[in-house]
Amino acid sequence: MLYFIVMKKWMNVPNTLSIIRILTIPAIVLLIIYSTTKNYPILIGVYFFSVWLDFFDGYLARKLSQETELGKILDPLADKLMIAAIVIALVIKTDFPLWLAIIILLRDLVILVAASIISREKHTILPSLLAGKVTFALLGALILVYILDLYQYIDLTILKRFFISLSCCFLTWSFVEYYKVYEAYKRGKND
C-alpha cells in the first residue's frame, strides 16, 4: 500500500519520461562509439527521441501541474548525465575538444555540488535558471552537429567551430548566473 502511495506522489508521467531519457543515454553512447553508416539513422533517431523527451517532460509537468521535488532533481540530473556521457563518447570517437569537455564536466560538477549544498541546508530544490536551460539547448545543438559529422559524407567543421565558440560564451554566462545564486544564498545564510 505504501508503495502505491509513494509511486502516485513521485512517479507521474513527466518523471517517468525523465527516467526513460536517462535510460536512453547508454544506447546513444554505444551508438556513437560504434557508429557505422548502418546504425547512423538509429543514432540520430534515439538522440532526437531523447531531446524530445527532455522538452516533453517539462512541458507536461507544467501543463498537467505535475511538478514534483523528484522532477526538479531528475530533469537537470538527466540533462547533466546525458551531456557528460555523450561528450565523453564524442571525445573518444571524434575530434570533440578535450578542453571543452573538461570545462563542461567541471561546470556541471560545480553546479551539482553547489545545488546539493543549498538543497541540504535550505531543504528546498532551486529551479533551473534560464541561463542553464539555454546553455543546455546550445550544448544539445553542438552535440547534434558532432553526431551529424560522424556521417562520412558530411563536413561540418565550420559549424562545429561556430557552436564551440558560442558554447564557451554560454557556459561562462550560465556558470556566472549559478555562482550569483550560490553567493546570494551564502550571504543570506550569514546575515
N, C-alpha and C. Protein backbone atom coordinates (compact mmCIF):
# COMPACT_ATOMS: atom_id res chain seq x y z
N MET A 1 0.82 -1.19 0.00
CA MET A 1 0.00 0.00 0.00
C MET A 1 0.87 1.26 0.00
N LEU A 2 1.89 1.29 0.89
CA LEU A 2 2.81 2.42 0.96
C LEU A 2 3.49 2.64 -0.39
N TYR A 3 3.84 1.54 -1.05
CA TYR A 3 4.48 1.61 -2.36
C TYR A 3 3.62 2.40 -3.35
N PHE A 4 2.33 2.11 -3.38
CA PHE A 4 1.43 2.79 -4.31
C PHE A 4 1.25 4.27 -3.96
N ILE A 5 1.25 4.60 -2.67
CA ILE A 5 1.15 5.99 -2.26
C ILE A 5 2.39 6.76 -2.70
N VAL A 6 3.56 6.18 -2.46
CA VAL A 6 4.82 6.82 -2.87
C VAL A 6 4.89 6.94 -4.38
N MET A 7 4.54 5.88 -5.08
CA MET A 7 4.59 5.90 -6.55
C MET A 7 3.63 6.94 -7.12
N LYS A 8 2.45 7.07 -6.52
CA LYS A 8 1.49 8.05 -7.02
C LYS A 8 2.00 9.47 -6.80
N LYS A 9 2.65 9.70 -5.66
CA LYS A 9 3.15 11.03 -5.35
C LYS A 9 4.36 11.40 -6.21
N TRP A 10 5.25 10.46 -6.46
CA TRP A 10 6.52 10.77 -7.12
C TRP A 10 6.56 10.37 -8.59
N MET A 11 5.95 9.27 -8.95
CA MET A 11 6.10 8.75 -10.31
C MET A 11 4.91 9.13 -11.16
N ASN A 12 4.99 10.30 -11.73
CA ASN A 12 3.98 10.74 -12.66
C ASN A 12 4.54 10.63 -14.08
N VAL A 13 3.79 11.06 -15.06
CA VAL A 13 4.23 10.93 -16.46
C VAL A 13 5.51 11.71 -16.72
N PRO A 14 5.62 12.99 -16.30
CA PRO A 14 6.87 13.71 -16.56
C PRO A 14 8.10 13.04 -15.94
N ASN A 15 7.99 12.56 -14.71
CA ASN A 15 9.13 11.90 -14.07
C ASN A 15 9.47 10.58 -14.77
N THR A 16 8.46 9.88 -15.23
CA THR A 16 8.70 8.64 -15.98
C THR A 16 9.45 8.95 -17.28
N LEU A 17 9.07 10.04 -17.95
CA LEU A 17 9.78 10.44 -19.18
C LEU A 17 11.24 10.80 -18.89
N SER A 18 11.48 11.45 -17.76
CA SER A 18 12.87 11.77 -17.38
C SER A 18 13.68 10.50 -17.15
N ILE A 19 13.08 9.51 -16.52
CA ILE A 19 13.77 8.23 -16.29
C ILE A 19 14.04 7.53 -17.62
N ILE A 20 13.06 7.55 -18.52
CA ILE A 20 13.27 6.95 -19.84
C ILE A 20 14.43 7.67 -20.55
N ARG A 21 14.49 8.98 -20.41
CA ARG A 21 15.58 9.75 -21.02
C ARG A 21 16.93 9.30 -20.47
N ILE A 22 17.00 9.10 -19.17
CA ILE A 22 18.25 8.61 -18.56
C ILE A 22 18.60 7.23 -19.13
N LEU A 23 17.59 6.41 -19.34
CA LEU A 23 17.83 5.06 -19.87
C LEU A 23 18.27 5.06 -21.34
N THR A 24 18.02 6.15 -22.07
CA THR A 24 18.48 6.22 -23.47
C THR A 24 19.97 6.55 -23.57
N ILE A 25 20.56 7.06 -22.50
CA ILE A 25 21.95 7.52 -22.54
C ILE A 25 22.92 6.41 -22.95
N PRO A 26 22.86 5.22 -22.34
CA PRO A 26 23.80 4.17 -22.77
C PRO A 26 23.66 3.81 -24.25
N ALA A 27 22.43 3.81 -24.76
CA ALA A 27 22.23 3.49 -26.18
C ALA A 27 22.89 4.55 -27.06
N ILE A 28 22.72 5.81 -26.71
CA ILE A 28 23.33 6.88 -27.50
C ILE A 28 24.85 6.76 -27.47
N VAL A 29 25.40 6.54 -26.29
CA VAL A 29 26.86 6.42 -26.15
C VAL A 29 27.39 5.25 -26.99
N LEU A 30 26.74 4.10 -26.88
CA LEU A 30 27.19 2.94 -27.66
C LEU A 30 27.06 3.18 -29.16
N LEU A 31 25.98 3.83 -29.57
CA LEU A 31 25.79 4.12 -30.99
C LEU A 31 26.83 5.12 -31.50
N ILE A 32 27.29 6.02 -30.65
CA ILE A 32 28.37 6.94 -31.05
C ILE A 32 29.69 6.19 -31.15
N ILE A 33 30.02 5.44 -30.11
CA ILE A 33 31.30 4.73 -30.07
C ILE A 33 31.41 3.74 -31.23
N TYR A 34 30.34 3.03 -31.51
CA TYR A 34 30.36 2.02 -32.57
C TYR A 34 29.59 2.49 -33.80
N SER A 35 29.69 3.78 -34.11
CA SER A 35 28.91 4.32 -35.23
C SER A 35 29.38 3.77 -36.58
N THR A 36 28.40 3.43 -37.38
CA THR A 36 28.62 2.99 -38.75
C THR A 36 27.53 3.63 -39.60
N THR A 37 27.67 3.50 -40.90
CA THR A 37 26.62 4.05 -41.76
C THR A 37 25.31 3.31 -41.56
N LYS A 38 25.39 2.06 -41.11
CA LYS A 38 24.15 1.28 -40.86
C LYS A 38 23.40 1.78 -39.63
N ASN A 39 24.12 2.03 -38.53
CA ASN A 39 23.42 2.44 -37.30
C ASN A 39 23.29 3.95 -37.16
N TYR A 40 23.83 4.71 -38.10
CA TYR A 40 23.76 6.17 -38.06
C TYR A 40 22.32 6.68 -37.96
N PRO A 41 21.38 6.18 -38.79
CA PRO A 41 19.99 6.65 -38.64
C PRO A 41 19.39 6.31 -37.27
N ILE A 42 19.78 5.19 -36.70
CA ILE A 42 19.28 4.81 -35.37
C ILE A 42 19.82 5.80 -34.33
N LEU A 43 21.11 6.14 -34.43
CA LEU A 43 21.71 7.11 -33.52
C LEU A 43 20.97 8.44 -33.59
N ILE A 44 20.73 8.93 -34.79
CA ILE A 44 20.02 10.20 -34.96
C ILE A 44 18.61 10.10 -34.34
N GLY A 45 17.94 8.98 -34.60
CA GLY A 45 16.58 8.79 -34.07
C GLY A 45 16.55 8.74 -32.55
N VAL A 46 17.47 7.99 -31.95
CA VAL A 46 17.49 7.88 -30.48
C VAL A 46 17.86 9.22 -29.86
N TYR A 47 18.80 9.94 -30.47
CA TYR A 47 19.18 11.25 -29.94
C TYR A 47 17.99 12.21 -29.99
N PHE A 48 17.31 12.29 -31.14
CA PHE A 48 16.14 13.17 -31.24
C PHE A 48 15.03 12.75 -30.28
N PHE A 49 14.85 11.44 -30.10
CA PHE A 49 13.86 10.95 -29.15
C PHE A 49 14.19 11.43 -27.74
N SER A 50 15.45 11.35 -27.36
CA SER A 50 15.87 11.78 -26.04
C SER A 50 15.69 13.29 -25.86
N VAL A 51 16.03 14.06 -26.88
CA VAL A 51 15.83 15.51 -26.82
C VAL A 51 14.34 15.84 -26.73
N TRP A 52 13.54 15.11 -27.49
CA TRP A 52 12.09 15.30 -27.46
C TRP A 52 11.55 15.00 -26.05
N LEU A 53 12.05 13.94 -25.43
CA LEU A 53 11.64 13.61 -24.07
C LEU A 53 11.98 14.74 -23.10
N ASP A 54 13.14 15.36 -23.30
CA ASP A 54 13.55 16.46 -22.43
C ASP A 54 12.56 17.62 -22.53
N PHE A 55 12.18 17.96 -23.72
CA PHE A 55 11.20 19.04 -23.90
C PHE A 55 9.84 18.62 -23.33
N PHE A 56 9.43 17.42 -23.65
CA PHE A 56 8.07 16.97 -23.33
C PHE A 56 7.87 16.74 -21.84
N ASP A 57 8.89 16.25 -21.11
CA ASP A 57 8.70 16.03 -19.68
C ASP A 57 8.45 17.35 -18.95
N GLY A 58 9.21 18.38 -19.30
CA GLY A 58 8.99 19.69 -18.68
C GLY A 58 7.66 20.30 -19.06
N TYR A 59 7.32 20.17 -20.33
CA TYR A 59 6.04 20.71 -20.82
C TYR A 59 4.87 20.05 -20.09
N LEU A 60 4.91 18.73 -19.99
CA LEU A 60 3.81 18.01 -19.32
C LEU A 60 3.74 18.34 -17.83
N ALA A 61 4.90 18.47 -17.20
CA ALA A 61 4.90 18.78 -15.77
C ALA A 61 4.18 20.11 -15.52
N ARG A 62 4.45 21.09 -16.38
CA ARG A 62 3.78 22.40 -16.21
C ARG A 62 2.32 22.33 -16.63
N LYS A 63 2.05 21.73 -17.76
CA LYS A 63 0.70 21.69 -18.32
C LYS A 63 -0.26 20.90 -17.41
N LEU A 64 0.22 19.78 -16.85
CA LEU A 64 -0.63 18.92 -16.02
C LEU A 64 -0.50 19.25 -14.53
N SER A 65 0.24 20.31 -14.22
CA SER A 65 0.51 20.67 -12.81
C SER A 65 1.07 19.47 -12.04
N GLN A 66 2.06 18.81 -12.65
CA GLN A 66 2.67 17.64 -12.02
C GLN A 66 4.14 17.88 -11.70
N GLU A 67 4.47 19.13 -11.37
CA GLU A 67 5.84 19.43 -10.96
C GLU A 67 6.05 18.87 -9.56
N THR A 68 7.11 18.09 -9.39
CA THR A 68 7.40 17.47 -8.10
C THR A 68 8.84 17.77 -7.71
N GLU A 69 9.14 17.55 -6.44
CA GLU A 69 10.52 17.70 -5.96
C GLU A 69 11.43 16.70 -6.69
N LEU A 70 10.92 15.49 -6.90
CA LEU A 70 11.71 14.49 -7.63
C LEU A 70 11.98 14.97 -9.06
N GLY A 71 10.99 15.54 -9.70
CA GLY A 71 11.17 16.04 -11.05
C GLY A 71 12.18 17.17 -11.13
N LYS A 72 12.22 18.00 -10.08
CA LYS A 72 13.20 19.09 -10.02
C LYS A 72 14.63 18.56 -9.90
N ILE A 73 14.75 17.32 -9.43
CA ILE A 73 16.06 16.67 -9.36
C ILE A 73 16.33 15.88 -10.64
N LEU A 74 15.33 15.08 -11.05
CA LEU A 74 15.52 14.18 -12.20
C LEU A 74 15.83 14.91 -13.50
N ASP A 75 15.10 15.97 -13.80
CA ASP A 75 15.27 16.64 -15.09
C ASP A 75 16.67 17.22 -15.26
N PRO A 76 17.16 18.06 -14.33
CA PRO A 76 18.52 18.57 -14.52
C PRO A 76 19.58 17.48 -14.40
N LEU A 77 19.31 16.45 -13.58
CA LEU A 77 20.26 15.34 -13.48
C LEU A 77 20.34 14.60 -14.81
N ALA A 78 19.20 14.36 -15.42
CA ALA A 78 19.19 13.70 -16.74
C ALA A 78 19.93 14.54 -17.76
N ASP A 79 19.73 15.86 -17.71
CA ASP A 79 20.45 16.76 -18.62
C ASP A 79 21.96 16.60 -18.45
N LYS A 80 22.41 16.67 -17.21
CA LYS A 80 23.84 16.63 -16.94
C LYS A 80 24.45 15.26 -17.26
N LEU A 81 23.73 14.19 -16.93
CA LEU A 81 24.22 12.85 -17.26
C LEU A 81 24.31 12.66 -18.78
N MET A 82 23.29 13.14 -19.49
CA MET A 82 23.27 12.99 -20.94
C MET A 82 24.42 13.75 -21.57
N ILE A 83 24.59 15.01 -21.19
CA ILE A 83 25.67 15.82 -21.75
C ILE A 83 27.01 15.18 -21.43
N ALA A 84 27.24 14.82 -20.17
CA ALA A 84 28.53 14.25 -19.76
C ALA A 84 28.85 12.97 -20.53
N ALA A 85 27.92 12.05 -20.57
CA ALA A 85 28.18 10.77 -21.24
C ALA A 85 28.43 10.94 -22.73
N ILE A 86 27.61 11.77 -23.37
CA ILE A 86 27.76 11.95 -24.81
C ILE A 86 29.05 12.71 -25.14
N VAL A 87 29.37 13.71 -24.35
CA VAL A 87 30.61 14.46 -24.59
C VAL A 87 31.82 13.55 -24.45
N ILE A 88 31.83 12.70 -23.44
CA ILE A 88 32.94 11.76 -23.27
C ILE A 88 33.02 10.81 -24.48
N ALA A 89 31.87 10.31 -24.93
CA ALA A 89 31.86 9.44 -26.11
C ALA A 89 32.37 10.17 -27.35
N LEU A 90 31.99 11.44 -27.49
CA LEU A 90 32.44 12.22 -28.64
C LEU A 90 33.94 12.50 -28.58
N VAL A 91 34.48 12.71 -27.38
CA VAL A 91 35.93 12.89 -27.24
C VAL A 91 36.65 11.62 -27.68
N ILE A 92 36.10 10.48 -27.32
CA ILE A 92 36.71 9.20 -27.68
C ILE A 92 36.62 8.95 -29.18
N LYS A 93 35.49 9.25 -29.76
CA LYS A 93 35.22 8.87 -31.16
C LYS A 93 35.56 9.95 -32.19
N THR A 94 35.48 11.22 -31.81
CA THR A 94 35.61 12.30 -32.80
C THR A 94 36.71 13.28 -32.38
N ASP A 95 36.71 14.41 -33.05
CA ASP A 95 37.66 15.48 -32.72
C ASP A 95 37.06 16.49 -31.75
N PHE A 96 36.06 16.07 -30.97
CA PHE A 96 35.47 16.95 -29.96
C PHE A 96 36.59 17.38 -29.02
N PRO A 97 36.75 18.69 -28.78
CA PRO A 97 37.89 19.17 -27.98
C PRO A 97 37.86 18.68 -26.53
N LEU A 98 38.94 18.07 -26.11
CA LEU A 98 39.05 17.59 -24.73
C LEU A 98 38.94 18.75 -23.74
N TRP A 99 39.53 19.89 -24.06
CA TRP A 99 39.48 21.04 -23.16
C TRP A 99 38.04 21.50 -22.94
N LEU A 100 37.23 21.45 -24.00
CA LEU A 100 35.82 21.85 -23.86
C LEU A 100 35.05 20.82 -23.04
N ALA A 101 35.36 19.56 -23.24
CA ALA A 101 34.71 18.50 -22.45
C ALA A 101 35.02 18.69 -20.96
N ILE A 102 36.26 19.01 -20.66
CA ILE A 102 36.66 19.23 -19.25
C ILE A 102 35.91 20.42 -18.66
N ILE A 103 35.80 21.51 -19.43
CA ILE A 103 35.07 22.69 -18.96
C ILE A 103 33.60 22.34 -18.69
N ILE A 104 32.98 21.61 -19.61
CA ILE A 104 31.58 21.23 -19.46
C ILE A 104 31.40 20.36 -18.21
N LEU A 105 32.26 19.36 -18.06
CA LEU A 105 32.14 18.43 -16.94
C LEU A 105 32.40 19.12 -15.60
N LEU A 106 33.43 19.98 -15.55
CA LEU A 106 33.72 20.69 -14.30
C LEU A 106 32.61 21.67 -13.93
N ARG A 107 32.09 22.39 -14.92
CA ARG A 107 30.99 23.33 -14.67
C ARG A 107 29.80 22.59 -14.08
N ASP A 108 29.42 21.48 -14.70
CA ASP A 108 28.26 20.73 -14.22
C ASP A 108 28.51 20.14 -12.84
N LEU A 109 29.73 19.69 -12.59
CA LEU A 109 30.06 19.14 -11.27
C LEU A 109 29.97 20.23 -10.20
N VAL A 110 30.51 21.41 -10.47
CA VAL A 110 30.45 22.51 -9.51
C VAL A 110 29.00 22.91 -9.25
N ILE A 111 28.20 22.98 -10.31
CA ILE A 111 26.78 23.35 -10.15
C ILE A 111 26.05 22.29 -9.32
N LEU A 112 26.32 21.02 -9.58
CA LEU A 112 25.67 19.95 -8.80
C LEU A 112 26.06 20.02 -7.33
N VAL A 113 27.33 20.25 -7.05
CA VAL A 113 27.78 20.32 -5.65
C VAL A 113 27.14 21.52 -4.96
N ALA A 114 27.16 22.69 -5.61
CA ALA A 114 26.57 23.89 -5.01
C ALA A 114 25.06 23.70 -4.79
N ALA A 115 24.39 23.12 -5.78
CA ALA A 115 22.94 22.90 -5.65
C ALA A 115 22.64 21.92 -4.51
N SER A 116 23.47 20.91 -4.34
CA SER A 116 23.22 19.95 -3.26
C SER A 116 23.48 20.58 -1.89
N ILE A 117 24.45 21.49 -1.81
CA ILE A 117 24.69 22.22 -0.55
C ILE A 117 23.48 23.08 -0.20
N ILE A 118 23.00 23.83 -1.19
CA ILE A 118 21.83 24.69 -0.95
C ILE A 118 20.62 23.83 -0.60
N SER A 119 20.43 22.74 -1.33
CA SER A 119 19.29 21.86 -1.09
C SER A 119 19.33 21.26 0.31
N ARG A 120 20.50 20.84 0.72
CA ARG A 120 20.64 20.22 2.04
C ARG A 120 20.40 21.23 3.15
N GLU A 121 20.90 22.44 2.97
CA GLU A 121 20.79 23.43 4.03
C GLU A 121 19.46 24.18 4.03
N LYS A 122 18.87 24.40 2.85
CA LYS A 122 17.60 25.13 2.78
C LYS A 122 16.40 24.19 2.73
N HIS A 123 16.65 22.90 2.54
CA HIS A 123 15.58 21.91 2.40
C HIS A 123 14.64 22.26 1.26
N THR A 124 15.21 22.77 0.21
CA THR A 124 14.44 23.09 -0.98
C THR A 124 15.32 22.87 -2.21
N ILE A 125 14.67 22.63 -3.31
CA ILE A 125 15.39 22.42 -4.56
C ILE A 125 15.14 23.65 -5.43
N LEU A 126 16.22 24.31 -5.78
CA LEU A 126 16.10 25.50 -6.59
C LEU A 126 15.80 25.12 -8.04
N PRO A 127 14.96 25.89 -8.71
CA PRO A 127 14.67 25.59 -10.11
C PRO A 127 15.86 25.92 -11.00
N SER A 128 15.88 25.32 -12.18
CA SER A 128 16.93 25.62 -13.15
C SER A 128 16.81 27.07 -13.59
N LEU A 129 17.95 27.67 -13.89
CA LEU A 129 17.96 29.05 -14.37
C LEU A 129 17.82 29.08 -15.88
N LEU A 130 17.33 30.20 -16.39
CA LEU A 130 17.21 30.38 -17.83
C LEU A 130 18.57 30.18 -18.51
N ALA A 131 19.62 30.73 -17.91
CA ALA A 131 20.96 30.59 -18.48
C ALA A 131 21.35 29.12 -18.61
N GLY A 132 20.98 28.31 -17.64
CA GLY A 132 21.28 26.89 -17.69
C GLY A 132 20.49 26.17 -18.77
N LYS A 133 19.23 26.55 -18.92
CA LYS A 133 18.39 25.93 -19.95
C LYS A 133 18.87 26.28 -21.35
N VAL A 134 19.24 27.56 -21.55
CA VAL A 134 19.74 27.98 -22.87
C VAL A 134 21.06 27.29 -23.17
N THR A 135 21.93 27.20 -22.16
CA THR A 135 23.22 26.54 -22.35
C THR A 135 23.02 25.06 -22.68
N PHE A 136 22.08 24.40 -22.00
CA PHE A 136 21.81 23.00 -22.30
C PHE A 136 21.33 22.83 -23.74
N ALA A 137 20.44 23.73 -24.18
CA ALA A 137 19.95 23.65 -25.55
C ALA A 137 21.08 23.86 -26.55
N LEU A 138 21.96 24.79 -26.25
CA LEU A 138 23.10 25.05 -27.14
C LEU A 138 24.06 23.86 -27.16
N LEU A 139 24.32 23.28 -25.99
CA LEU A 139 25.18 22.08 -25.95
C LEU A 139 24.52 20.93 -26.71
N GLY A 140 23.21 20.83 -26.62
CA GLY A 140 22.48 19.82 -27.40
C GLY A 140 22.68 20.01 -28.89
N ALA A 141 22.67 21.28 -29.33
CA ALA A 141 22.90 21.58 -30.75
C ALA A 141 24.35 21.26 -31.14
N LEU A 142 25.29 21.60 -30.27
CA LEU A 142 26.70 21.27 -30.53
C LEU A 142 26.88 19.77 -30.66
N ILE A 143 26.27 19.02 -29.76
CA ILE A 143 26.35 17.56 -29.82
C ILE A 143 25.73 17.05 -31.12
N LEU A 144 24.60 17.61 -31.50
CA LEU A 144 23.95 17.20 -32.75
C LEU A 144 24.88 17.42 -33.94
N VAL A 145 25.56 18.55 -33.98
CA VAL A 145 26.49 18.83 -35.08
C VAL A 145 27.60 17.77 -35.11
N TYR A 146 28.13 17.41 -33.96
CA TYR A 146 29.18 16.37 -33.91
C TYR A 146 28.63 15.00 -34.31
N ILE A 147 27.40 14.71 -33.90
CA ILE A 147 26.79 13.44 -34.30
C ILE A 147 26.56 13.42 -35.81
N LEU A 148 26.05 14.52 -36.35
CA LEU A 148 25.84 14.59 -37.81
C LEU A 148 27.17 14.45 -38.55
N ASP A 149 28.24 14.98 -37.96
CA ASP A 149 29.56 14.92 -38.59
C ASP A 149 30.15 13.51 -38.58
N LEU A 150 29.57 12.61 -37.79
CA LEU A 150 30.02 11.21 -37.82
C LEU A 150 29.79 10.58 -39.19
N TYR A 151 28.77 11.07 -39.87
CA TYR A 151 28.46 10.56 -41.20
C TYR A 151 29.57 11.00 -42.14
N GLN A 152 30.20 10.06 -42.79
CA GLN A 152 31.43 10.34 -43.54
C GLN A 152 31.25 11.27 -44.72
N TYR A 153 30.05 11.51 -45.16
CA TYR A 153 29.83 12.35 -46.34
C TYR A 153 29.48 13.80 -46.00
N ILE A 154 29.56 14.14 -44.72
CA ILE A 154 29.23 15.49 -44.30
C ILE A 154 30.45 16.09 -43.60
N ASP A 155 30.83 17.32 -43.97
CA ASP A 155 31.91 18.02 -43.28
C ASP A 155 31.31 19.27 -42.64
N LEU A 156 31.28 19.28 -41.34
CA LEU A 156 30.66 20.37 -40.60
C LEU A 156 31.68 21.14 -39.76
N THR A 157 32.91 21.21 -40.23
CA THR A 157 33.98 21.85 -39.48
C THR A 157 33.64 23.29 -39.10
N ILE A 158 33.16 24.08 -40.04
CA ILE A 158 32.85 25.48 -39.76
C ILE A 158 31.72 25.59 -38.74
N LEU A 159 30.70 24.76 -38.89
CA LEU A 159 29.58 24.76 -37.95
C LEU A 159 30.03 24.32 -36.56
N LYS A 160 30.93 23.34 -36.50
CA LYS A 160 31.46 22.90 -35.21
C LYS A 160 32.20 24.05 -34.52
N ARG A 161 33.04 24.75 -35.25
CA ARG A 161 33.79 25.88 -34.66
C ARG A 161 32.84 26.96 -34.14
N PHE A 162 31.80 27.25 -34.92
CA PHE A 162 30.82 28.25 -34.51
C PHE A 162 30.15 27.84 -33.20
N PHE A 163 29.67 26.60 -33.12
CA PHE A 163 28.98 26.15 -31.91
C PHE A 163 29.93 26.00 -30.72
N ILE A 164 31.19 25.68 -30.97
CA ILE A 164 32.17 25.63 -29.87
C ILE A 164 32.34 27.02 -29.28
N SER A 165 32.50 28.02 -30.13
CA SER A 165 32.65 29.40 -29.65
C SER A 165 31.42 29.86 -28.89
N LEU A 166 30.26 29.62 -29.46
CA LEU A 166 29.01 30.01 -28.81
C LEU A 166 28.83 29.27 -27.49
N SER A 167 29.15 27.99 -27.47
CA SER A 167 29.03 27.19 -26.25
C SER A 167 29.91 27.74 -25.13
N CYS A 168 31.12 28.14 -25.48
CA CYS A 168 32.02 28.70 -24.47
C CYS A 168 31.42 29.96 -23.84
N CYS A 169 30.85 30.82 -24.66
CA CYS A 169 30.21 32.04 -24.14
C CYS A 169 29.06 31.69 -23.20
N PHE A 170 28.22 30.76 -23.61
CA PHE A 170 27.04 30.42 -22.81
C PHE A 170 27.40 29.60 -21.58
N LEU A 171 28.43 28.79 -21.67
CA LEU A 171 28.90 28.07 -20.48
C LEU A 171 29.37 29.06 -19.43
N THR A 172 30.09 30.08 -19.88
CA THR A 172 30.57 31.11 -18.96
C THR A 172 29.40 31.87 -18.35
N TRP A 173 28.45 32.30 -19.19
CA TRP A 173 27.28 33.04 -18.71
C TRP A 173 26.50 32.22 -17.67
N SER A 174 26.23 30.97 -17.98
CA SER A 174 25.43 30.16 -17.06
C SER A 174 26.19 29.91 -15.75
N PHE A 175 27.50 29.71 -15.85
CA PHE A 175 28.29 29.49 -14.64
C PHE A 175 28.23 30.74 -13.74
N VAL A 176 28.36 31.92 -14.34
CA VAL A 176 28.29 33.17 -13.58
C VAL A 176 26.91 33.31 -12.93
N GLU A 177 25.85 33.00 -13.65
CA GLU A 177 24.50 33.11 -13.09
C GLU A 177 24.29 32.15 -11.93
N TYR A 178 24.77 30.91 -12.07
CA TYR A 178 24.64 29.95 -10.97
C TYR A 178 25.51 30.37 -9.78
N TYR A 179 26.67 30.95 -10.07
CA TYR A 179 27.54 31.44 -9.00
C TYR A 179 26.84 32.55 -8.22
N LYS A 180 26.15 33.46 -8.93
CA LYS A 180 25.41 34.54 -8.27
C LYS A 180 24.36 33.98 -7.31
N VAL A 181 23.66 32.94 -7.75
CA VAL A 181 22.64 32.31 -6.89
C VAL A 181 23.30 31.74 -5.64
N TYR A 182 24.42 31.06 -5.82
CA TYR A 182 25.12 30.45 -4.69
C TYR A 182 25.63 31.54 -3.74
N GLU A 183 26.20 32.61 -4.28
CA GLU A 183 26.69 33.70 -3.44
C GLU A 183 25.54 34.38 -2.69
N ALA A 184 24.41 34.58 -3.35
CA ALA A 184 23.25 35.17 -2.69
C ALA A 184 22.78 34.28 -1.55
N TYR A 185 22.82 32.98 -1.76
CA TYR A 185 22.45 32.03 -0.71
C TYR A 185 23.41 32.15 0.47
N LYS A 186 24.71 32.19 0.17
CA LYS A 186 25.71 32.28 1.24
C LYS A 186 25.56 33.59 2.02
N ARG A 187 25.31 34.70 1.33
CA ARG A 187 25.12 35.98 2.01
C ARG A 187 23.87 35.94 2.89
N GLY A 188 22.80 35.38 2.36
CA GLY A 188 21.55 35.25 3.13
C GLY A 188 21.72 34.36 4.34
N LYS A 189 22.54 33.35 4.21
CA LYS A 189 22.78 32.41 5.31
C LYS A 189 23.57 33.08 6.43
N ASN A 190 24.49 33.97 6.07
CA ASN A 190 25.36 34.60 7.07
C ASN A 190 24.74 35.84 7.69
N ASP A 191 23.64 36.33 7.15
CA ASP A 191 23.00 37.54 7.71
C ASP A 191 22.19 37.25 8.94
